[in-house]
Amino acid sequence: MSGEGLSTEGVPPDARRLFESYRETLPLEERPDLAGAFSFGDTPALADTLADLVYVGKKTATAEAKWTFEAAGEPLPEPGDHWVVLDSGGEPRCVIRTERVEVVPFVDVTADHAAAEGEGDGSLASWRLSHVRYYRRTLPEGRSFDREMPVVCERFRVVYRA
């Protein structure tokens, strides 16, 4: 996920309650575990903007540098994972389900993926510009932006809204 993830131990109580409300809508044998809770982006304004885009269904994809997961010692998301999306204040907005994950070089991120991220004008050029800036701000120490760097492209869908 693009953003700051939390272990399930660090999930805010309101996020846990939202997730449990979602689980209660499902048959017992289909109730998933919670993978975690996070906010998108690296600033409060970006977290709120992106949470809003997810909530209304405009943002159905994200892309984070694989190096960020490695530096944090976190596993990559997997299809079937369920996450609670938080706003900048830590308030839960919705539950998403990871549908697909693919690791590709930055230069190979597709126009379709860029459009699914729902940001800017939806073009690949706009996506590349904003993500080069984002990665330059957020890559782990010792790493710098490279057009060949591995990017975790994740597709998801909202399964429950607050």
N, C-alpha and C. Protein backbone atom coordinates (compact mmCIF):
# COMPACT_ATOMS: atom_id res chain seq x y z
N MET A 1 0.84 -1.18 0.00
CA MET A 1 0.00 0.00 0.00
C MET A 1 0.88 1.24 0.00
N SER A 2 0.46 2.19 -0.69
CA SER A 2 1.17 3.45 -0.61
C SER A 2 0.72 4.11 0.66
N GLY A 3 1.59 4.25 1.57
CA GLY A 3 1.21 4.87 2.82
C GLY A 3 1.88 4.18 3.97
N GLU A 4 1.50 4.59 5.14
CA GLU A 4 2.11 4.07 6.34
C GLU A 4 1.25 2.95 6.89
N GLY A 5 1.73 1.74 6.81
CA GLY A 5 0.99 0.60 7.30
C GLY A 5 1.15 0.43 8.80
N LEU A 6 0.23 -0.30 9.38
CA LEU A 6 0.28 -0.62 10.80
C LEU A 6 0.18 -2.12 10.94
N SER A 7 0.86 -2.70 11.92
CA SER A 7 0.64 -4.11 12.20
C SER A 7 -0.78 -4.23 12.73
N THR A 8 -1.30 -5.45 12.73
CA THR A 8 -2.67 -5.60 13.22
C THR A 8 -2.75 -5.25 14.70
N GLU A 9 -1.65 -5.34 15.42
CA GLU A 9 -1.66 -4.95 16.83
C GLU A 9 -1.84 -3.44 16.97
N GLY A 10 -1.39 -2.68 15.98
CA GLY A 10 -1.47 -1.23 16.05
C GLY A 10 -2.70 -0.64 15.37
N VAL A 11 -3.64 -1.48 14.98
CA VAL A 11 -4.84 -0.98 14.30
C VAL A 11 -5.71 -0.24 15.31
N PRO A 12 -6.11 0.99 14.98
CA PRO A 12 -6.95 1.76 15.91
C PRO A 12 -8.27 1.03 16.21
N PRO A 13 -8.78 1.20 17.42
CA PRO A 13 -10.04 0.53 17.78
C PRO A 13 -11.20 0.83 16.83
N ASP A 14 -11.32 2.06 16.35
CA ASP A 14 -12.41 2.39 15.42
C ASP A 14 -12.26 1.62 14.11
N ALA A 15 -11.03 1.42 13.67
CA ALA A 15 -10.79 0.66 12.44
C ALA A 15 -11.15 -0.81 12.66
N ARG A 16 -10.81 -1.33 13.83
CA ARG A 16 -11.19 -2.72 14.14
C ARG A 16 -12.71 -2.87 14.16
N ARG A 17 -13.40 -1.89 14.75
CA ARG A 17 -14.87 -1.95 14.80
C ARG A 17 -15.47 -1.92 13.39
N LEU A 18 -14.93 -1.06 12.53
CA LEU A 18 -15.43 -1.01 11.16
C LEU A 18 -15.21 -2.36 10.47
N PHE A 19 -14.04 -2.93 10.66
CA PHE A 19 -13.75 -4.22 10.03
C PHE A 19 -14.68 -5.31 10.57
N GLU A 20 -14.93 -5.30 11.86
CA GLU A 20 -15.83 -6.30 12.44
C GLU A 20 -17.26 -6.12 11.92
N SER A 21 -17.68 -4.88 11.72
CA SER A 21 -19.00 -4.63 11.13
C SER A 21 -19.07 -5.24 9.73
N TYR A 22 -18.00 -5.08 8.97
CA TYR A 22 -17.94 -5.70 7.64
C TYR A 22 -18.01 -7.21 7.75
N ARG A 23 -17.21 -7.80 8.61
CA ARG A 23 -17.18 -9.27 8.76
C ARG A 23 -18.56 -9.82 9.11
N GLU A 24 -19.30 -9.08 9.91
CA GLU A 24 -20.63 -9.56 10.32
C GLU A 24 -21.63 -9.62 9.17
N THR A 25 -21.30 -8.97 8.05
CA THR A 25 -22.19 -9.03 6.89
C THR A 25 -21.97 -10.30 6.07
N LEU A 26 -20.93 -11.05 6.42
CA LEU A 26 -20.55 -12.23 5.65
C LEU A 26 -20.90 -13.52 6.39
N PRO A 27 -21.13 -14.61 5.66
CA PRO A 27 -21.30 -15.91 6.32
C PRO A 27 -20.06 -16.26 7.12
N LEU A 28 -20.23 -16.98 8.22
CA LEU A 28 -19.10 -17.32 9.10
C LEU A 28 -17.92 -17.91 8.35
N GLU A 29 -18.17 -18.79 7.40
CA GLU A 29 -17.08 -19.47 6.70
C GLU A 29 -16.35 -18.57 5.69
N GLU A 30 -16.88 -17.38 5.45
CA GLU A 30 -16.25 -16.46 4.48
C GLU A 30 -15.63 -15.23 5.14
N ARG A 31 -15.57 -15.20 6.46
CA ARG A 31 -15.06 -14.02 7.15
C ARG A 31 -13.54 -13.97 7.12
N PRO A 32 -12.99 -12.92 6.49
CA PRO A 32 -11.53 -12.81 6.35
C PRO A 32 -10.88 -12.25 7.62
N ASP A 33 -9.58 -12.39 7.66
CA ASP A 33 -8.79 -11.74 8.70
C ASP A 33 -8.42 -10.34 8.22
N LEU A 34 -8.08 -9.49 9.15
CA LEU A 34 -7.64 -8.13 8.84
C LEU A 34 -6.14 -8.14 8.61
N ALA A 35 -5.71 -7.64 7.44
CA ALA A 35 -4.28 -7.55 7.15
C ALA A 35 -3.64 -6.35 7.85
N GLY A 36 -4.42 -5.25 8.00
CA GLY A 36 -3.89 -4.07 8.65
C GLY A 36 -4.72 -2.84 8.33
N ALA A 37 -4.23 -1.70 8.76
CA ALA A 37 -4.89 -0.42 8.50
C ALA A 37 -3.80 0.58 8.12
N PHE A 38 -4.13 1.50 7.24
CA PHE A 38 -3.13 2.45 6.77
C PHE A 38 -3.82 3.66 6.16
N SER A 39 -3.03 4.71 5.98
CA SER A 39 -3.48 5.86 5.19
C SER A 39 -2.57 5.95 3.98
N PHE A 40 -3.14 6.37 2.86
CA PHE A 40 -2.37 6.55 1.64
C PHE A 40 -1.54 7.83 1.73
N GLY A 41 -0.46 7.89 0.96
CA GLY A 41 0.31 9.12 0.84
C GLY A 41 1.27 9.36 1.99
N ASP A 42 1.89 10.53 1.94
CA ASP A 42 2.89 10.87 2.95
C ASP A 42 2.63 12.22 3.60
N THR A 43 1.47 12.81 3.35
CA THR A 43 1.09 14.06 4.01
C THR A 43 -0.38 13.95 4.41
N PRO A 44 -0.81 14.71 5.41
CA PRO A 44 -2.23 14.68 5.78
C PRO A 44 -3.16 15.03 4.62
N ALA A 45 -2.81 16.04 3.85
CA ALA A 45 -3.68 16.44 2.73
C ALA A 45 -3.79 15.32 1.70
N LEU A 46 -2.67 14.68 1.40
CA LEU A 46 -2.69 13.59 0.42
C LEU A 46 -3.47 12.40 0.98
N ALA A 47 -3.29 12.10 2.26
CA ALA A 47 -4.03 10.99 2.87
C ALA A 47 -5.54 11.21 2.74
N ASP A 48 -5.99 12.42 3.00
CA ASP A 48 -7.43 12.71 2.92
C ASP A 48 -7.94 12.67 1.49
N THR A 49 -7.18 13.26 0.58
CA THR A 49 -7.58 13.26 -0.83
C THR A 49 -7.69 11.84 -1.36
N LEU A 50 -6.69 11.02 -1.08
CA LEU A 50 -6.69 9.66 -1.60
C LEU A 50 -7.75 8.80 -0.93
N ALA A 51 -7.96 8.99 0.36
CA ALA A 51 -9.03 8.24 1.05
C ALA A 51 -10.39 8.58 0.43
N ASP A 52 -10.59 9.86 0.11
CA ASP A 52 -11.85 10.26 -0.54
C ASP A 52 -12.00 9.59 -1.90
N LEU A 53 -10.92 9.54 -2.68
CA LEU A 53 -10.97 8.91 -4.00
C LEU A 53 -11.28 7.42 -3.89
N VAL A 54 -10.70 6.77 -2.89
CA VAL A 54 -10.99 5.35 -2.67
C VAL A 54 -12.45 5.18 -2.28
N TYR A 55 -12.90 5.99 -1.35
CA TYR A 55 -14.27 5.89 -0.82
C TYR A 55 -15.31 5.96 -1.93
N VAL A 56 -15.12 6.88 -2.87
CA VAL A 56 -16.11 7.05 -3.95
C VAL A 56 -15.86 6.10 -5.12
N GLY A 57 -14.82 5.28 -5.05
CA GLY A 57 -14.57 4.29 -6.09
C GLY A 57 -13.75 4.77 -7.27
N LYS A 58 -13.21 5.97 -7.18
CA LYS A 58 -12.39 6.49 -8.28
C LYS A 58 -10.97 5.93 -8.25
N LYS A 59 -10.46 5.67 -7.06
CA LYS A 59 -9.12 5.09 -6.89
C LYS A 59 -9.26 3.61 -6.57
N THR A 60 -8.79 2.76 -7.48
CA THR A 60 -8.89 1.31 -7.30
C THR A 60 -7.52 0.64 -7.44
N ALA A 61 -6.47 1.44 -7.36
CA ALA A 61 -5.11 0.90 -7.49
C ALA A 61 -4.14 1.79 -6.74
N THR A 62 -2.99 1.22 -6.44
CA THR A 62 -1.92 1.97 -5.80
C THR A 62 -0.59 1.36 -6.23
N ALA A 63 0.48 2.09 -6.02
CA ALA A 63 1.81 1.61 -6.41
C ALA A 63 2.82 2.11 -5.39
N GLU A 64 3.48 1.19 -4.74
CA GLU A 64 4.50 1.53 -3.75
C GLU A 64 5.81 0.88 -4.17
N ALA A 65 6.91 1.53 -3.86
CA ALA A 65 8.22 0.95 -4.16
C ALA A 65 8.40 -0.33 -3.35
N LYS A 66 8.85 -1.37 -4.00
CA LYS A 66 9.10 -2.63 -3.30
C LYS A 66 10.13 -2.43 -2.18
N TRP A 67 11.07 -1.52 -2.43
CA TRP A 67 12.10 -1.24 -1.43
C TRP A 67 11.50 -0.73 -0.12
N THR A 68 10.37 -0.05 -0.18
CA THR A 68 9.73 0.47 1.03
C THR A 68 9.24 -0.69 1.90
N PHE A 69 8.64 -1.69 1.27
CA PHE A 69 8.20 -2.88 2.02
C PHE A 69 9.40 -3.59 2.63
N GLU A 70 10.45 -3.75 1.85
CA GLU A 70 11.64 -4.45 2.33
C GLU A 70 12.26 -3.72 3.51
N ALA A 71 12.39 -2.39 3.43
CA ALA A 71 13.01 -1.62 4.51
C ALA A 71 12.19 -1.70 5.80
N ALA A 72 10.87 -1.80 5.65
CA ALA A 72 9.99 -1.88 6.83
C ALA A 72 9.84 -3.32 7.33
N GLY A 73 10.39 -4.29 6.61
CA GLY A 73 10.25 -5.69 7.00
C GLY A 73 8.81 -6.18 6.86
N GLU A 74 8.07 -5.58 5.92
CA GLU A 74 6.67 -5.95 5.73
C GLU A 74 6.51 -6.81 4.49
N PRO A 75 5.63 -7.80 4.55
CA PRO A 75 5.36 -8.60 3.35
C PRO A 75 4.58 -7.78 2.33
N LEU A 76 4.68 -8.18 1.08
CA LEU A 76 3.90 -7.53 0.04
C LEU A 76 2.43 -7.91 0.22
N PRO A 77 1.52 -7.02 -0.18
CA PRO A 77 0.11 -7.39 -0.12
C PRO A 77 -0.15 -8.58 -1.04
N GLU A 78 -1.19 -9.32 -0.72
CA GLU A 78 -1.56 -10.49 -1.53
C GLU A 78 -3.04 -10.43 -1.85
N PRO A 79 -3.43 -11.01 -2.99
CA PRO A 79 -4.86 -11.07 -3.30
C PRO A 79 -5.63 -11.70 -2.15
N GLY A 80 -6.74 -11.09 -1.81
CA GLY A 80 -7.56 -11.57 -0.70
C GLY A 80 -7.31 -10.84 0.61
N ASP A 81 -6.21 -10.09 0.70
CA ASP A 81 -5.95 -9.30 1.91
C ASP A 81 -7.03 -8.24 2.06
N HIS A 82 -7.41 -7.97 3.30
CA HIS A 82 -8.39 -6.93 3.62
C HIS A 82 -7.73 -5.88 4.50
N TRP A 83 -7.94 -4.61 4.14
CA TRP A 83 -7.31 -3.48 4.80
C TRP A 83 -8.35 -2.44 5.15
N VAL A 84 -8.12 -1.72 6.23
CA VAL A 84 -8.96 -0.56 6.55
C VAL A 84 -8.19 0.68 6.12
N VAL A 85 -8.83 1.51 5.31
CA VAL A 85 -8.24 2.76 4.85
C VAL A 85 -8.59 3.85 5.86
N LEU A 86 -7.56 4.55 6.33
CA LEU A 86 -7.71 5.62 7.31
C LEU A 86 -7.52 6.98 6.66
N ASP A 87 -8.15 8.00 7.22
CA ASP A 87 -7.86 9.36 6.77
C ASP A 87 -6.67 9.89 7.58
N SER A 88 -6.34 11.15 7.40
CA SER A 88 -5.16 11.71 8.07
C SER A 88 -5.28 11.75 9.58
N GLY A 89 -6.51 11.75 10.09
CA GLY A 89 -6.73 11.76 11.53
C GLY A 89 -6.85 10.38 12.13
N GLY A 90 -6.62 9.35 11.32
CA GLY A 90 -6.71 7.97 11.81
C GLY A 90 -8.13 7.43 11.84
N GLU A 91 -9.07 8.17 11.26
CA GLU A 91 -10.47 7.71 11.22
C GLU A 91 -10.65 6.72 10.07
N PRO A 92 -11.31 5.59 10.34
CA PRO A 92 -11.52 4.61 9.28
C PRO A 92 -12.55 5.10 8.27
N ARG A 93 -12.25 4.94 7.01
CA ARG A 93 -13.15 5.36 5.93
C ARG A 93 -13.83 4.19 5.25
N CYS A 94 -13.06 3.11 5.01
CA CYS A 94 -13.64 1.96 4.32
C CYS A 94 -12.72 0.76 4.46
N VAL A 95 -13.25 -0.39 4.02
CA VAL A 95 -12.48 -1.62 3.97
C VAL A 95 -12.26 -1.94 2.49
N ILE A 96 -11.02 -2.25 2.15
CA ILE A 96 -10.71 -2.65 0.78
C ILE A 96 -10.18 -4.08 0.78
N ARG A 97 -10.35 -4.73 -0.38
CA ARG A 97 -9.84 -6.09 -0.58
C ARG A 97 -8.85 -6.05 -1.74
N THR A 98 -7.64 -6.55 -1.52
CA THR A 98 -6.64 -6.64 -2.58
C THR A 98 -7.10 -7.68 -3.59
N GLU A 99 -7.14 -7.26 -4.85
CA GLU A 99 -7.57 -8.15 -5.93
C GLU A 99 -6.40 -8.73 -6.72
N ARG A 100 -5.37 -7.90 -6.95
CA ARG A 100 -4.25 -8.33 -7.78
C ARG A 100 -3.00 -7.57 -7.37
N VAL A 101 -1.86 -8.23 -7.43
CA VAL A 101 -0.57 -7.60 -7.11
C VAL A 101 0.43 -8.05 -8.16
N GLU A 102 1.17 -7.07 -8.68
CA GLU A 102 2.20 -7.35 -9.67
C GLU A 102 3.38 -6.43 -9.39
N VAL A 103 4.58 -6.97 -9.44
CA VAL A 103 5.79 -6.17 -9.26
C VAL A 103 6.42 -5.96 -10.63
N VAL A 104 6.57 -4.68 -10.99
CA VAL A 104 7.14 -4.33 -12.29
C VAL A 104 8.12 -3.18 -12.12
N PRO A 105 9.05 -3.01 -13.07
CA PRO A 105 9.89 -1.82 -13.02
C PRO A 105 9.02 -0.56 -13.19
N PHE A 106 9.43 0.52 -12.56
CA PHE A 106 8.69 1.77 -12.65
C PHE A 106 8.33 2.11 -14.09
N VAL A 107 9.28 1.98 -14.98
CA VAL A 107 9.10 2.34 -16.38
C VAL A 107 8.03 1.49 -17.07
N ASP A 108 7.70 0.33 -16.50
CA ASP A 108 6.72 -0.57 -17.10
C ASP A 108 5.32 -0.46 -16.49
N VAL A 109 5.11 0.46 -15.56
CA VAL A 109 3.75 0.68 -15.04
C VAL A 109 2.90 1.14 -16.22
N THR A 110 1.72 0.55 -16.36
CA THR A 110 0.90 0.81 -17.54
C THR A 110 -0.02 2.02 -17.38
N ALA A 111 -0.47 2.51 -18.52
CA ALA A 111 -1.45 3.61 -18.53
C ALA A 111 -2.74 3.17 -17.85
N ASP A 112 -3.11 1.91 -18.01
CA ASP A 112 -4.31 1.39 -17.36
C ASP A 112 -4.18 1.45 -15.84
N HIS A 113 -3.00 1.07 -15.33
CA HIS A 113 -2.79 1.14 -13.88
C HIS A 113 -2.81 2.60 -13.41
N ALA A 114 -2.14 3.46 -14.13
CA ALA A 114 -2.11 4.88 -13.76
C ALA A 114 -3.53 5.44 -13.69
N ALA A 115 -4.36 5.11 -14.66
CA ALA A 115 -5.75 5.59 -14.67
C ALA A 115 -6.52 5.03 -13.48
N ALA A 116 -6.27 3.77 -13.12
CA ALA A 116 -6.98 3.15 -11.99
C ALA A 116 -6.59 3.78 -10.66
N GLU A 117 -5.44 4.44 -10.61
CA GLU A 117 -5.06 5.12 -9.36
C GLU A 117 -5.93 6.34 -9.11
N GLY A 118 -6.60 6.86 -10.15
CA GLY A 118 -7.59 7.91 -9.97
C GLY A 118 -7.07 9.27 -9.59
N GLU A 119 -5.79 9.50 -9.78
CA GLU A 119 -5.18 10.76 -9.36
C GLU A 119 -4.88 11.66 -10.55
N GLY A 120 -4.77 12.95 -10.30
CA GLY A 120 -4.42 13.90 -11.35
C GLY A 120 -5.39 13.81 -12.51
N ASP A 121 -4.86 13.88 -13.72
CA ASP A 121 -5.73 13.81 -14.89
C ASP A 121 -5.92 12.38 -15.39
N GLY A 122 -5.35 11.42 -14.67
CA GLY A 122 -5.52 10.01 -15.02
C GLY A 122 -4.56 9.50 -16.08
N SER A 123 -3.70 10.37 -16.57
CA SER A 123 -2.77 9.95 -17.62
C SER A 123 -1.52 9.31 -17.03
N LEU A 124 -0.84 8.52 -17.84
CA LEU A 124 0.42 7.91 -17.42
C LEU A 124 1.48 8.99 -17.17
N ALA A 125 1.49 10.04 -17.98
CA ALA A 125 2.47 11.12 -17.80
C ALA A 125 2.28 11.80 -16.44
N SER A 126 1.03 12.09 -16.09
CA SER A 126 0.73 12.71 -14.80
C SER A 126 1.10 11.77 -13.65
N TRP A 127 0.79 10.49 -13.80
CA TRP A 127 1.12 9.50 -12.78
C TRP A 127 2.63 9.46 -12.57
N ARG A 128 3.37 9.39 -13.67
CA ARG A 128 4.84 9.31 -13.54
C ARG A 128 5.40 10.54 -12.84
N LEU A 129 4.94 11.71 -13.22
CA LEU A 129 5.43 12.94 -12.60
C LEU A 129 5.17 12.94 -11.09
N SER A 130 3.94 12.65 -10.69
CA SER A 130 3.61 12.69 -9.26
C SER A 130 4.31 11.57 -8.49
N HIS A 131 4.48 10.41 -9.10
CA HIS A 131 5.11 9.31 -8.39
C HIS A 131 6.63 9.45 -8.31
N VAL A 132 7.25 10.05 -9.31
CA VAL A 132 8.69 10.33 -9.17
C VAL A 132 8.89 11.24 -7.97
N ARG A 133 8.07 12.27 -7.84
CA ARG A 133 8.17 13.18 -6.69
C ARG A 133 7.93 12.42 -5.37
N TYR A 134 6.88 11.61 -5.36
CA TYR A 134 6.54 10.84 -4.15
C TYR A 134 7.70 9.92 -3.76
N TYR A 135 8.21 9.14 -4.71
CA TYR A 135 9.30 8.21 -4.39
C TYR A 135 10.55 8.94 -3.94
N ARG A 136 10.84 10.07 -4.53
CA ARG A 136 12.02 10.84 -4.11
C ARG A 136 11.89 11.31 -2.66
N ARG A 137 10.65 11.55 -2.22
CA ARG A 137 10.42 11.96 -0.82
C ARG A 137 10.42 10.78 0.14
N THR A 138 10.03 9.61 -0.33
CA THR A 138 9.71 8.53 0.61
C THR A 138 10.57 7.29 0.53
N LEU A 139 11.44 7.17 -0.44
CA LEU A 139 12.24 5.95 -0.53
C LEU A 139 13.12 5.79 0.72
N PRO A 140 13.36 4.54 1.11
CA PRO A 140 14.19 4.30 2.30
C PRO A 140 15.60 4.84 2.12
N GLU A 141 16.23 5.10 3.24
CA GLU A 141 17.61 5.60 3.24
C GLU A 141 18.49 4.64 2.44
N GLY A 142 19.36 5.22 1.64
CA GLY A 142 20.26 4.41 0.83
C GLY A 142 19.69 4.06 -0.54
N ARG A 143 18.45 4.44 -0.79
CA ARG A 143 17.81 4.16 -2.09
C ARG A 143 17.47 5.48 -2.76
N SER A 144 17.57 5.51 -4.07
CA SER A 144 17.17 6.71 -4.80
C SER A 144 16.34 6.27 -6.01
N PHE A 145 15.54 7.20 -6.48
CA PHE A 145 14.66 6.89 -7.59
C PHE A 145 15.46 6.39 -8.79
N ASP A 146 14.90 5.37 -9.43
CA ASP A 146 15.50 4.78 -10.62
C ASP A 146 14.34 4.29 -11.49
N ARG A 147 14.40 4.56 -12.76
CA ARG A 147 13.31 4.16 -13.66
C ARG A 147 13.11 2.64 -13.69
N GLU A 148 14.11 1.88 -13.29
CA GLU A 148 14.02 0.42 -13.28
C GLU A 148 13.68 -0.14 -11.90
N MET A 149 13.49 0.74 -10.90
CA MET A 149 13.22 0.24 -9.55
C MET A 149 11.91 -0.55 -9.52
N PRO A 150 11.85 -1.60 -8.68
CA PRO A 150 10.64 -2.42 -8.62
C PRO A 150 9.50 -1.70 -7.89
N VAL A 151 8.34 -1.72 -8.53
CA VAL A 151 7.14 -1.08 -7.99
C VAL A 151 6.06 -2.14 -7.80
N VAL A 152 5.44 -2.13 -6.63
CA VAL A 152 4.36 -3.07 -6.32
C VAL A 152 3.05 -2.42 -6.77
N CYS A 153 2.50 -2.92 -7.87
CA CYS A 153 1.24 -2.41 -8.41
C CYS A 153 0.11 -3.27 -7.86
N GLU A 154 -0.75 -2.62 -7.10
CA GLU A 154 -1.84 -3.34 -6.43
C GLU A 154 -3.19 -2.82 -6.93
N ARG A 155 -4.09 -3.74 -7.20
CA ARG A 155 -5.46 -3.42 -7.54
C ARG A 155 -6.33 -3.86 -6.36
N PHE A 156 -7.32 -3.06 -6.06
CA PHE A 156 -8.19 -3.36 -4.93
C PHE A 156 -9.60 -2.88 -5.23
N ARG A 157 -10.53 -3.27 -4.37
CA ARG A 157 -11.89 -2.77 -4.47
C ARG A 157 -12.43 -2.52 -3.08
N VAL A 158 -13.30 -1.55 -2.97
CA VAL A 158 -13.96 -1.25 -1.70
C VAL A 158 -15.02 -2.33 -1.47
N VAL A 159 -14.98 -2.93 -0.29
CA VAL A 159 -15.99 -3.93 0.05
C VAL A 159 -16.94 -3.46 1.15
N TYR A 160 -16.58 -2.35 1.83
CA TYR A 160 -17.43 -1.85 2.92
C TYR A 160 -17.04 -0.41 3.21
N ARG A 161 -18.06 0.42 3.40
CA ARG A 161 -17.81 1.85 3.68
C ARG A 161 -18.29 2.20 5.07
N ALA A 162 -17.58 3.15 5.69
CA ALA A 162 -17.97 3.62 7.03
C ALA A 162 -19.30 4.36 6.94
